Amino acid sequence: MPRIATIDRKTAETNIQLTLELDGSGKADVATGIGFLDHMLTLLAKHAAVDLTVRAAGDLHVDQHHTVEDTGICLGQALKQALGDKAGIRRYGHFTLPMEETLATVAIDLSGRYAFVFRAEFPAAKIGDFDSDLVEDFWQAVAANALCNLHILVHYGRNSHHISEAIFKATARALRMAIEADPRMTGVPSTKGTLDG
């Protein structure tokens, strides 16, 4: 059965259609109206080896916050839906990734419970015209809607673009590990028998 989900979210602030295929090949077709977010989502798809399609129209005349956060909400919801009962997956994933002068570690547990820890500092408030603090808002929205534990730690870094890129790539690699099929795990990887909370 294909692990795929499509989310349609329409509010007074945004209109988003997002499709996520977990067993993909890293293809991305992304248009959010925010160039830097498109870049990060493309990296995410590539390094997680998922296929991702996003169409987002948001109130960018106000700022980028609603579009970024709502895209994160949709991605989290799609991840939760596409995983189904999570039978046979590894569940946990972690990755430490160097990006030039930056080093980031991400750990994830697709537990059915929400917890989010973000330990990263951005030297610059802006990356081009993108607000650096939206990186945290995006991943908080993903974790809250996927119902997972997500811990993001940037050990050090100087360039805010590199810091963001390290976070997205490390999260992608950790997610790739967590959603992979575990040939030794035939059922749900929990002694509780469920990963629904």
N, C-alpha and C. Protein backbone atom coordinates (compact mmCIF):
# COMPACT_ATOMS: atom_id res chain seq x y z
N MET A 1 0.84 -1.19 0.00
CA MET A 1 0.00 0.00 0.00
C MET A 1 0.88 1.25 0.00
N PRO A 2 0.66 2.17 -0.93
CA PRO A 2 1.53 3.35 -1.00
C PRO A 2 1.36 4.25 0.21
N ARG A 3 2.47 4.73 0.72
CA ARG A 3 2.45 5.65 1.87
C ARG A 3 2.47 7.08 1.33
N ILE A 4 1.29 7.58 1.07
CA ILE A 4 1.15 8.88 0.44
C ILE A 4 -0.03 9.61 1.07
N ALA A 5 0.07 10.93 1.16
CA ALA A 5 -1.02 11.73 1.72
C ALA A 5 -1.07 13.08 1.03
N THR A 6 -2.28 13.59 0.87
CA THR A 6 -2.48 14.93 0.33
C THR A 6 -3.30 15.73 1.34
N ILE A 7 -2.82 16.92 1.64
CA ILE A 7 -3.49 17.81 2.58
C ILE A 7 -3.89 19.09 1.85
N ASP A 8 -5.14 19.48 2.01
CA ASP A 8 -5.63 20.77 1.52
C ASP A 8 -5.99 21.62 2.73
N ARG A 9 -5.38 22.76 2.85
CA ARG A 9 -5.67 23.65 3.98
C ARG A 9 -5.97 25.04 3.45
N LYS A 10 -7.16 25.53 3.76
CA LYS A 10 -7.56 26.86 3.30
C LYS A 10 -8.06 27.65 4.50
N THR A 11 -7.43 28.79 4.75
CA THR A 11 -7.86 29.70 5.80
C THR A 11 -7.95 31.11 5.21
N ALA A 12 -8.28 32.07 6.04
CA ALA A 12 -8.32 33.46 5.58
C ALA A 12 -6.92 33.98 5.29
N GLU A 13 -5.89 33.24 5.75
CA GLU A 13 -4.50 33.69 5.60
C GLU A 13 -3.73 32.94 4.53
N THR A 14 -4.06 31.66 4.32
CA THR A 14 -3.31 30.84 3.37
C THR A 14 -4.21 29.84 2.65
N ASN A 15 -3.73 29.40 1.51
CA ASN A 15 -4.38 28.32 0.75
C ASN A 15 -3.26 27.39 0.30
N ILE A 16 -3.22 26.19 0.88
CA ILE A 16 -2.09 25.29 0.66
C ILE A 16 -2.56 23.91 0.24
N GLN A 17 -1.93 23.37 -0.78
CA GLN A 17 -2.10 21.97 -1.18
C GLN A 17 -0.73 21.32 -1.11
N LEU A 18 -0.64 20.22 -0.36
CA LEU A 18 0.64 19.54 -0.16
C LEU A 18 0.45 18.04 -0.31
N THR A 19 1.31 17.42 -1.11
CA THR A 19 1.30 15.96 -1.26
C THR A 19 2.67 15.42 -0.89
N LEU A 20 2.65 14.40 -0.05
CA LEU A 20 3.89 13.77 0.44
C LEU A 20 3.83 12.28 0.16
N GLU A 21 4.85 11.77 -0.52
CA GLU A 21 4.99 10.33 -0.76
C GLU A 21 6.26 9.86 -0.05
N LEU A 22 6.09 9.02 0.97
CA LEU A 22 7.23 8.63 1.79
C LEU A 22 8.21 7.74 1.05
N ASP A 23 7.71 6.90 0.18
CA ASP A 23 8.60 5.99 -0.57
C ASP A 23 8.92 6.58 -1.93
N GLY A 24 9.46 7.77 -1.91
CA GLY A 24 9.78 8.47 -3.14
C GLY A 24 11.25 8.38 -3.49
N SER A 25 11.68 9.32 -4.32
CA SER A 25 13.08 9.32 -4.76
C SER A 25 13.73 10.68 -4.58
N GLY A 26 13.07 11.56 -3.82
CA GLY A 26 13.67 12.87 -3.55
C GLY A 26 13.21 13.97 -4.49
N LYS A 27 12.10 13.74 -5.20
CA LYS A 27 11.59 14.76 -6.13
C LYS A 27 10.83 15.84 -5.37
N ALA A 28 11.05 17.07 -5.76
CA ALA A 28 10.35 18.20 -5.16
C ALA A 28 9.77 19.09 -6.25
N ASP A 29 8.52 19.47 -6.08
CA ASP A 29 7.85 20.43 -6.95
C ASP A 29 7.16 21.42 -6.02
N VAL A 30 7.87 22.49 -5.70
CA VAL A 30 7.48 23.35 -4.59
C VAL A 30 7.36 24.80 -5.07
N ALA A 31 6.25 25.43 -4.71
CA ALA A 31 6.05 26.85 -5.00
C ALA A 31 5.23 27.47 -3.88
N THR A 32 5.92 28.15 -2.96
CA THR A 32 5.25 28.76 -1.82
C THR A 32 5.18 30.28 -1.92
N GLY A 33 5.87 30.85 -2.89
CA GLY A 33 5.97 32.30 -2.96
C GLY A 33 7.12 32.84 -2.13
N ILE A 34 7.82 31.94 -1.42
CA ILE A 34 8.96 32.33 -0.58
C ILE A 34 10.17 31.53 -1.07
N GLY A 35 11.07 32.20 -1.73
CA GLY A 35 12.18 31.51 -2.38
C GLY A 35 13.02 30.69 -1.43
N PHE A 36 13.31 31.22 -0.25
CA PHE A 36 14.17 30.49 0.68
C PHE A 36 13.47 29.24 1.21
N LEU A 37 12.16 29.36 1.49
CA LEU A 37 11.41 28.18 1.93
C LEU A 37 11.37 27.13 0.85
N ASP A 38 11.18 27.52 -0.40
CA ASP A 38 11.22 26.57 -1.51
C ASP A 38 12.56 25.83 -1.55
N HIS A 39 13.63 26.55 -1.34
CA HIS A 39 14.98 25.98 -1.32
C HIS A 39 15.11 24.94 -0.21
N MET A 40 14.63 25.28 0.99
CA MET A 40 14.73 24.37 2.13
C MET A 40 13.86 23.13 1.93
N LEU A 41 12.66 23.30 1.39
CA LEU A 41 11.77 22.15 1.16
C LEU A 41 12.33 21.22 0.08
N THR A 42 13.00 21.80 -0.90
CA THR A 42 13.63 20.99 -1.94
C THR A 42 14.77 20.16 -1.34
N LEU A 43 15.55 20.77 -0.46
CA LEU A 43 16.61 20.03 0.25
C LEU A 43 16.00 18.92 1.11
N LEU A 44 14.92 19.24 1.77
CA LEU A 44 14.25 18.27 2.64
C LEU A 44 13.83 17.03 1.86
N ALA A 45 13.16 17.24 0.73
CA ALA A 45 12.70 16.11 -0.09
C ALA A 45 13.88 15.27 -0.56
N LYS A 46 14.92 15.92 -1.02
CA LYS A 46 16.09 15.21 -1.55
C LYS A 46 16.74 14.33 -0.50
N HIS A 47 16.97 14.89 0.67
CA HIS A 47 17.73 14.17 1.69
C HIS A 47 16.88 13.20 2.49
N ALA A 48 15.56 13.38 2.51
CA ALA A 48 14.67 12.41 3.13
C ALA A 48 14.27 11.31 2.16
N ALA A 49 14.59 11.50 0.86
CA ALA A 49 14.19 10.57 -0.20
C ALA A 49 12.68 10.39 -0.24
N VAL A 50 11.97 11.53 -0.07
CA VAL A 50 10.52 11.55 -0.23
C VAL A 50 10.19 12.42 -1.43
N ASP A 51 8.99 12.22 -1.97
CA ASP A 51 8.52 13.10 -3.03
C ASP A 51 7.55 14.10 -2.42
N LEU A 52 7.74 15.37 -2.75
CA LEU A 52 6.99 16.44 -2.10
C LEU A 52 6.51 17.44 -3.15
N THR A 53 5.21 17.69 -3.13
CA THR A 53 4.61 18.72 -3.97
C THR A 53 3.90 19.72 -3.08
N VAL A 54 4.20 21.00 -3.26
CA VAL A 54 3.57 22.04 -2.45
C VAL A 54 3.16 23.20 -3.35
N ARG A 55 1.92 23.62 -3.17
CA ARG A 55 1.43 24.86 -3.77
C ARG A 55 0.85 25.69 -2.63
N ALA A 56 1.41 26.86 -2.42
CA ALA A 56 0.95 27.70 -1.31
C ALA A 56 0.75 29.13 -1.79
N ALA A 57 -0.38 29.69 -1.42
CA ALA A 57 -0.66 31.11 -1.64
C ALA A 57 -1.01 31.69 -0.28
N GLY A 58 -0.20 32.64 0.17
CA GLY A 58 -0.44 33.20 1.49
C GLY A 58 -0.43 34.72 1.47
N ASP A 59 -0.71 35.29 2.64
CA ASP A 59 -0.79 36.75 2.77
C ASP A 59 0.61 37.34 2.93
N LEU A 60 1.41 37.21 1.89
CA LEU A 60 2.79 37.68 1.94
C LEU A 60 2.89 39.20 2.01
N HIS A 61 1.78 39.89 1.72
CA HIS A 61 1.77 41.35 1.89
C HIS A 61 1.81 41.72 3.38
N VAL A 62 1.43 40.76 4.25
CA VAL A 62 1.54 40.98 5.69
C VAL A 62 2.95 40.63 6.13
N ASP A 63 3.30 39.34 6.02
CA ASP A 63 4.67 38.85 6.19
C ASP A 63 4.68 37.38 5.81
N GLN A 64 5.78 36.69 6.08
CA GLN A 64 5.92 35.31 5.63
C GLN A 64 5.46 34.29 6.67
N HIS A 65 5.13 34.75 7.86
CA HIS A 65 4.88 33.84 8.98
C HIS A 65 3.77 32.84 8.71
N HIS A 66 2.60 33.32 8.26
CA HIS A 66 1.46 32.42 8.08
C HIS A 66 1.76 31.35 7.03
N THR A 67 2.40 31.73 5.94
CA THR A 67 2.71 30.76 4.89
C THR A 67 3.69 29.71 5.37
N VAL A 68 4.72 30.13 6.08
CA VAL A 68 5.73 29.19 6.58
C VAL A 68 5.11 28.24 7.61
N GLU A 69 4.41 28.81 8.59
CA GLU A 69 3.84 27.98 9.65
C GLU A 69 2.77 27.03 9.11
N ASP A 70 1.91 27.51 8.22
CA ASP A 70 0.85 26.66 7.69
C ASP A 70 1.40 25.57 6.78
N THR A 71 2.49 25.84 6.08
CA THR A 71 3.15 24.79 5.30
C THR A 71 3.69 23.72 6.24
N GLY A 72 4.24 24.13 7.37
CA GLY A 72 4.70 23.18 8.37
C GLY A 72 3.55 22.35 8.94
N ILE A 73 2.41 22.98 9.18
CA ILE A 73 1.22 22.26 9.65
C ILE A 73 0.83 21.19 8.64
N CYS A 74 0.78 21.56 7.37
CA CYS A 74 0.38 20.62 6.32
C CYS A 74 1.38 19.47 6.19
N LEU A 75 2.67 19.78 6.28
CA LEU A 75 3.68 18.73 6.17
C LEU A 75 3.55 17.75 7.34
N GLY A 76 3.34 18.26 8.54
CA GLY A 76 3.16 17.40 9.69
C GLY A 76 1.94 16.51 9.57
N GLN A 77 0.83 17.10 9.12
CA GLN A 77 -0.40 16.32 8.94
C GLN A 77 -0.22 15.25 7.88
N ALA A 78 0.48 15.59 6.80
CA ALA A 78 0.71 14.62 5.73
C ALA A 78 1.60 13.48 6.20
N LEU A 79 2.62 13.81 6.99
CA LEU A 79 3.50 12.78 7.53
C LEU A 79 2.72 11.81 8.41
N LYS A 80 1.91 12.34 9.29
CA LYS A 80 1.10 11.50 10.19
C LYS A 80 0.16 10.60 9.40
N GLN A 81 -0.50 11.18 8.41
CA GLN A 81 -1.46 10.42 7.61
C GLN A 81 -0.77 9.35 6.77
N ALA A 82 0.35 9.69 6.15
CA ALA A 82 1.04 8.76 5.26
C ALA A 82 1.63 7.58 6.03
N LEU A 83 1.99 7.80 7.30
CA LEU A 83 2.58 6.73 8.10
C LEU A 83 1.57 5.68 8.54
N GLY A 84 0.29 6.02 8.55
CA GLY A 84 -0.73 5.06 8.95
C GLY A 84 -0.51 4.59 10.38
N ASP A 85 -0.56 3.27 10.60
CA ASP A 85 -0.37 2.75 11.96
C ASP A 85 1.11 2.58 12.32
N LYS A 86 2.00 2.87 11.39
CA LYS A 86 3.46 2.86 11.60
C LYS A 86 4.04 1.46 11.77
N ALA A 87 3.29 0.46 11.40
CA ALA A 87 3.80 -0.92 11.51
C ALA A 87 5.02 -1.10 10.61
N GLY A 88 6.06 -1.72 11.17
CA GLY A 88 7.24 -2.09 10.39
C GLY A 88 8.26 -1.01 10.16
N ILE A 89 8.05 0.19 10.73
CA ILE A 89 9.04 1.25 10.54
C ILE A 89 10.09 1.22 11.66
N ARG A 90 11.18 1.93 11.42
CA ARG A 90 12.21 2.01 12.45
C ARG A 90 11.78 2.90 13.63
N ARG A 91 10.94 3.87 13.37
CA ARG A 91 10.38 4.78 14.38
C ARG A 91 11.34 5.88 14.80
N TYR A 92 12.55 5.53 15.15
CA TYR A 92 13.55 6.50 15.60
C TYR A 92 14.52 6.84 14.48
N GLY A 93 14.97 8.08 14.47
CA GLY A 93 16.01 8.47 13.53
C GLY A 93 16.86 9.58 14.14
N HIS A 94 18.11 9.63 13.76
CA HIS A 94 19.00 10.68 14.24
C HIS A 94 20.09 10.91 13.21
N PHE A 95 20.59 12.12 13.18
CA PHE A 95 21.66 12.42 12.23
C PHE A 95 22.43 13.64 12.70
N THR A 96 23.74 13.57 12.61
CA THR A 96 24.61 14.72 12.82
C THR A 96 25.21 15.10 11.49
N LEU A 97 25.02 16.35 11.11
CA LEU A 97 25.37 16.77 9.75
C LEU A 97 26.23 18.03 9.76
N PRO A 98 27.37 17.99 9.07
CA PRO A 98 28.16 19.20 8.88
C PRO A 98 27.69 19.95 7.64
N MET A 99 27.62 21.26 7.77
CA MET A 99 27.32 22.12 6.62
C MET A 99 28.31 23.29 6.68
N GLU A 100 29.38 23.14 5.93
CA GLU A 100 30.47 24.11 5.99
C GLU A 100 30.95 24.25 7.44
N GLU A 101 30.83 25.44 8.04
CA GLU A 101 31.32 25.67 9.40
C GLU A 101 30.30 25.29 10.48
N THR A 102 29.13 24.84 10.06
CA THR A 102 28.03 24.55 10.97
C THR A 102 27.93 23.05 11.22
N LEU A 103 27.56 22.68 12.45
CA LEU A 103 27.30 21.29 12.80
C LEU A 103 25.96 21.21 13.51
N ALA A 104 25.09 20.34 13.02
CA ALA A 104 23.75 20.19 13.60
C ALA A 104 23.44 18.72 13.85
N THR A 105 22.74 18.46 14.94
CA THR A 105 22.25 17.13 15.26
C THR A 105 20.73 17.19 15.42
N VAL A 106 20.06 16.22 14.81
CA VAL A 106 18.61 16.11 14.93
C VAL A 106 18.26 14.68 15.33
N ALA A 107 17.33 14.54 16.27
CA ALA A 107 16.80 13.24 16.66
C ALA A 107 15.28 13.29 16.61
N ILE A 108 14.67 12.21 16.13
CA ILE A 108 13.22 12.17 15.96
C ILE A 108 12.68 10.83 16.45
N ASP A 109 11.50 10.87 17.06
CA ASP A 109 10.77 9.68 17.46
C ASP A 109 9.34 9.84 16.97
N LEU A 110 8.92 8.97 16.07
CA LEU A 110 7.55 9.02 15.53
C LEU A 110 6.62 8.31 16.51
N SER A 111 6.51 8.90 17.67
CA SER A 111 5.91 8.25 18.83
C SER A 111 4.40 8.39 18.93
N GLY A 112 3.82 9.33 18.17
CA GLY A 112 2.41 9.65 18.36
C GLY A 112 2.19 10.65 19.48
N ARG A 113 3.29 11.16 20.02
CA ARG A 113 3.22 12.18 21.08
C ARG A 113 4.10 13.36 20.67
N TYR A 114 3.65 14.56 21.02
CA TYR A 114 4.35 15.77 20.61
C TYR A 114 5.33 16.24 21.69
N ALA A 115 6.56 16.46 21.27
CA ALA A 115 7.56 17.17 22.08
C ALA A 115 8.52 17.84 21.10
N PHE A 116 8.90 19.05 21.40
CA PHE A 116 9.76 19.80 20.49
C PHE A 116 10.80 20.57 21.29
N VAL A 117 12.06 20.36 20.93
CA VAL A 117 13.16 21.09 21.54
C VAL A 117 14.00 21.68 20.41
N PHE A 118 14.25 22.98 20.48
CA PHE A 118 14.99 23.68 19.42
C PHE A 118 16.09 24.48 20.08
N ARG A 119 17.33 24.09 19.83
CA ARG A 119 18.48 24.79 20.39
C ARG A 119 19.37 25.24 19.23
N ALA A 120 19.06 26.42 18.73
CA ALA A 120 19.83 26.99 17.62
C ALA A 120 19.76 28.50 17.70
N GLU A 121 20.86 29.13 17.42
CA GLU A 121 20.92 30.59 17.38
C GLU A 121 21.35 31.03 15.99
N PHE A 122 20.65 32.03 15.48
CA PHE A 122 20.95 32.57 14.16
C PHE A 122 21.64 33.93 14.33
N PRO A 123 22.87 34.05 13.85
CA PRO A 123 23.58 35.33 13.98
C PRO A 123 22.86 36.48 13.27
N ALA A 124 22.18 36.18 12.17
CA ALA A 124 21.49 37.22 11.41
C ALA A 124 19.98 37.04 11.54
N ALA A 125 19.26 38.14 11.71
CA ALA A 125 17.80 38.10 11.83
C ALA A 125 17.14 37.74 10.50
N LYS A 126 17.83 38.01 9.40
CA LYS A 126 17.29 37.75 8.06
C LYS A 126 18.25 36.88 7.27
N ILE A 127 17.69 36.00 6.45
CA ILE A 127 18.44 35.26 5.44
C ILE A 127 17.85 35.71 4.12
N GLY A 128 18.50 36.66 3.48
CA GLY A 128 17.85 37.36 2.37
C GLY A 128 16.67 38.15 2.93
N ASP A 129 15.46 37.86 2.44
CA ASP A 129 14.27 38.52 3.01
C ASP A 129 13.47 37.58 3.92
N PHE A 130 14.10 36.46 4.31
CA PHE A 130 13.45 35.44 5.13
C PHE A 130 13.82 35.65 6.60
N ASP A 131 12.81 35.68 7.48
CA ASP A 131 13.06 35.84 8.91
C ASP A 131 13.64 34.54 9.48
N SER A 132 14.81 34.62 10.08
CA SER A 132 15.49 33.44 10.59
C SER A 132 14.66 32.68 11.62
N ASP A 133 13.89 33.40 12.44
CA ASP A 133 13.13 32.72 13.50
C ASP A 133 11.99 31.87 12.96
N LEU A 134 11.68 32.01 11.67
CA LEU A 134 10.64 31.17 11.06
C LEU A 134 11.08 29.72 10.90
N VAL A 135 12.39 29.48 10.94
CA VAL A 135 12.88 28.09 10.88
C VAL A 135 12.33 27.32 12.07
N GLU A 136 12.42 27.91 13.26
CA GLU A 136 11.89 27.24 14.46
C GLU A 136 10.37 27.09 14.36
N ASP A 137 9.68 28.12 13.90
CA ASP A 137 8.21 28.05 13.78
C ASP A 137 7.78 26.95 12.83
N PHE A 138 8.51 26.79 11.73
CA PHE A 138 8.19 25.74 10.76
C PHE A 138 8.28 24.36 11.39
N TRP A 139 9.40 24.08 12.04
CA TRP A 139 9.61 22.74 12.59
C TRP A 139 8.74 22.47 13.80
N GLN A 140 8.40 23.51 14.56
CA GLN A 140 7.45 23.33 15.66
C GLN A 140 6.10 22.90 15.11
N ALA A 141 5.67 23.53 14.01
CA ALA A 141 4.39 23.18 13.39
C ALA A 141 4.40 21.76 12.83
N VAL A 142 5.52 21.36 12.23
CA VAL A 142 5.64 19.99 11.72
C VAL A 142 5.50 18.99 12.87
N ALA A 143 6.28 19.19 13.92
CA ALA A 143 6.28 18.24 15.04
C ALA A 143 4.92 18.16 15.72
N ALA A 144 4.27 19.31 15.92
CA ALA A 144 2.98 19.34 16.61
C ALA A 144 1.91 18.61 15.81
N ASN A 145 1.99 18.67 14.49
CA ASN A 145 0.96 18.06 13.67
C ASN A 145 1.29 16.64 13.25
N ALA A 146 2.56 16.29 13.22
CA ALA A 146 2.94 14.90 12.98
C ALA A 146 2.82 14.08 14.25
N LEU A 147 2.74 14.76 15.40
CA LEU A 147 2.73 14.13 16.71
C LEU A 147 3.98 13.26 16.89
N CYS A 148 5.10 13.96 16.87
CA CYS A 148 6.39 13.28 17.05
C CYS A 148 7.23 14.05 18.05
N ASN A 149 8.27 13.39 18.55
CA ASN A 149 9.31 14.07 19.31
C ASN A 149 10.36 14.54 18.30
N LEU A 150 10.69 15.81 18.35
CA LEU A 150 11.69 16.35 17.44
C LEU A 150 12.65 17.23 18.24
N HIS A 151 13.91 16.85 18.25
CA HIS A 151 14.94 17.60 18.96
C HIS A 151 15.97 18.08 17.94
N ILE A 152 16.17 19.38 17.91
CA ILE A 152 17.09 20.01 16.96
C ILE A 152 18.15 20.78 17.74
N LEU A 153 19.40 20.45 17.49
CA LEU A 153 20.51 21.08 18.20
C LEU A 153 21.57 21.51 17.20
N VAL A 154 21.86 22.79 17.18
CA VAL A 154 22.98 23.29 16.39
C VAL A 154 24.15 23.50 17.34
N HIS A 155 25.20 22.74 17.16
CA HIS A 155 26.36 22.80 18.06
C HIS A 155 27.12 24.11 17.90
N TYR A 156 27.28 24.52 16.64
CA TYR A 156 27.94 25.79 16.35
C TYR A 156 27.70 26.13 14.88
N GLY A 157 27.91 27.40 14.56
CA GLY A 157 27.74 27.86 13.19
C GLY A 157 27.88 29.37 13.14
N ARG A 158 28.28 29.88 12.01
CA ARG A 158 28.50 31.31 11.84
C ARG A 158 27.53 31.94 10.85
N ASN A 159 27.17 31.20 9.82
CA ASN A 159 26.37 31.72 8.72
C ASN A 159 24.93 31.24 8.87
N SER A 160 23.98 32.16 8.91
CA SER A 160 22.58 31.79 9.17
C SER A 160 21.99 30.92 8.06
N HIS A 161 22.41 31.13 6.82
CA HIS A 161 21.96 30.26 5.73
C HIS A 161 22.45 28.83 5.96
N HIS A 162 23.70 28.69 6.32
CA HIS A 162 24.26 27.36 6.58
C HIS A 162 23.58 26.69 7.77
N ILE A 163 23.27 27.47 8.80
CA ILE A 163 22.60 26.92 9.98
C ILE A 163 21.23 26.37 9.60
N SER A 164 20.45 27.14 8.85
CA SER A 164 19.14 26.68 8.41
C SER A 164 19.25 25.45 7.53
N GLU A 165 20.18 25.48 6.61
CA GLU A 165 20.36 24.35 5.70
C GLU A 165 20.78 23.09 6.45
N ALA A 166 21.65 23.24 7.44
CA ALA A 166 22.06 22.10 8.26
C ALA A 166 20.87 21.52 9.00
N ILE A 167 20.00 22.38 9.52
CA ILE A 167 18.81 21.92 10.24
C ILE A 167 17.89 21.13 9.32
N PHE A 168 17.61 21.67 8.15
CA PHE A 168 16.70 20.99 7.22
C PHE A 168 17.29 19.68 6.72
N LYS A 169 18.58 19.68 6.40
CA LYS A 169 19.19 18.45 5.90
C LYS A 169 19.30 17.38 6.99
N ALA A 170 19.69 17.77 8.19
CA ALA A 170 19.82 16.81 9.27
C ALA A 170 18.45 16.24 9.66
N THR A 171 17.43 17.09 9.66
CA THR A 171 16.08 16.61 9.96
C THR A 171 15.61 15.65 8.88
N ALA A 172 15.91 15.97 7.64
CA ALA A 172 15.54 15.09 6.53
C ALA A 172 16.20 13.73 6.67
N ARG A 173 17.47 13.71 7.01
CA ARG A 173 18.19 12.44 7.14
C ARG A 173 17.69 11.63 8.34
N ALA A 174 17.38 12.32 9.44
CA ALA A 174 16.82 11.63 10.60
C ALA A 174 15.45 11.06 10.27
N LEU A 175 14.63 11.84 9.56
CA LEU A 175 13.31 11.38 9.17
C LEU A 175 13.40 10.19 8.22
N ARG A 176 14.34 10.24 7.30
CA ARG A 176 14.54 9.13 6.37
C ARG A 176 14.80 7.82 7.12
N MET A 177 15.63 7.91 8.15
CA MET A 177 15.92 6.73 8.96
C MET A 177 14.66 6.26 9.70
N ALA A 178 13.90 7.19 10.27
CA ALA A 178 12.75 6.83 11.10
C ALA A 178 11.61 6.20 10.30
N ILE A 179 11.41 6.63 9.06
CA ILE A 179 10.28 6.12 8.27
C ILE A 179 10.63 4.87 7.48
N GLU A 180 11.91 4.49 7.48
CA GLU A 180 12.35 3.31 6.73
C GLU A 180 11.72 2.03 7.28
N ALA A 181 11.51 1.09 6.41
CA ALA A 181 11.05 -0.23 6.84
C ALA A 181 12.17 -0.95 7.57
N ASP A 182 11.84 -1.55 8.70
CA ASP A 182 12.77 -2.35 9.48
C ASP A 182 12.47 -3.82 9.22
N PRO A 183 13.36 -4.54 8.53
CA PRO A 183 13.06 -5.92 8.14
C PRO A 183 12.86 -6.86 9.34
N ARG A 184 13.28 -6.43 10.52
CA ARG A 184 13.13 -7.27 11.71
C ARG A 184 11.89 -6.89 12.54
N MET A 185 11.15 -5.87 12.08
CA MET A 185 10.00 -5.38 12.83
C MET A 185 8.73 -5.59 12.00
N THR A 186 7.95 -6.59 12.38
CA THR A 186 6.75 -6.89 11.60
C THR A 186 5.53 -6.10 12.05
N GLY A 187 5.51 -5.69 13.30
CA GLY A 187 4.37 -4.94 13.81
C GLY A 187 4.74 -3.52 14.16
N VAL A 188 3.93 -2.92 15.02
CA VAL A 188 4.19 -1.56 15.47
C VAL A 188 5.37 -1.57 16.44
N PRO A 189 6.38 -0.71 16.23
CA PRO A 189 7.58 -0.73 17.07
C PRO A 189 7.35 -0.06 18.43
N SER A 190 6.50 -0.68 19.25
CA SER A 190 6.22 -0.19 20.58
C SER A 190 5.71 -1.34 21.44
N THR A 191 6.16 -1.39 22.69
CA THR A 191 5.66 -2.43 23.60
C THR A 191 4.20 -2.20 23.94
N LYS A 192 3.71 -0.98 23.70
CA LYS A 192 2.29 -0.68 23.94
C LYS A 192 1.39 -1.25 22.85
N GLY A 193 1.99 -1.55 21.70
CA GLY A 193 1.20 -2.06 20.60
C GLY A 193 0.56 -0.99 19.75
N THR A 194 0.84 0.27 20.07
CA THR A 194 0.29 1.38 19.29
C THR A 194 1.24 2.57 19.37
N LEU A 195 1.23 3.38 18.32
CA LEU A 195 1.97 4.65 18.33
C LEU A 195 1.00 5.80 18.06
N ASP A 196 -0.16 5.68 18.66
CA ASP A 196 -1.18 6.73 18.53
C ASP A 196 -1.27 7.60 19.76
N GLY A 197 -0.20 7.66 20.54
CA GLY A 197 -0.21 8.54 21.70
C GLY A 197 -0.08 7.78 23.00
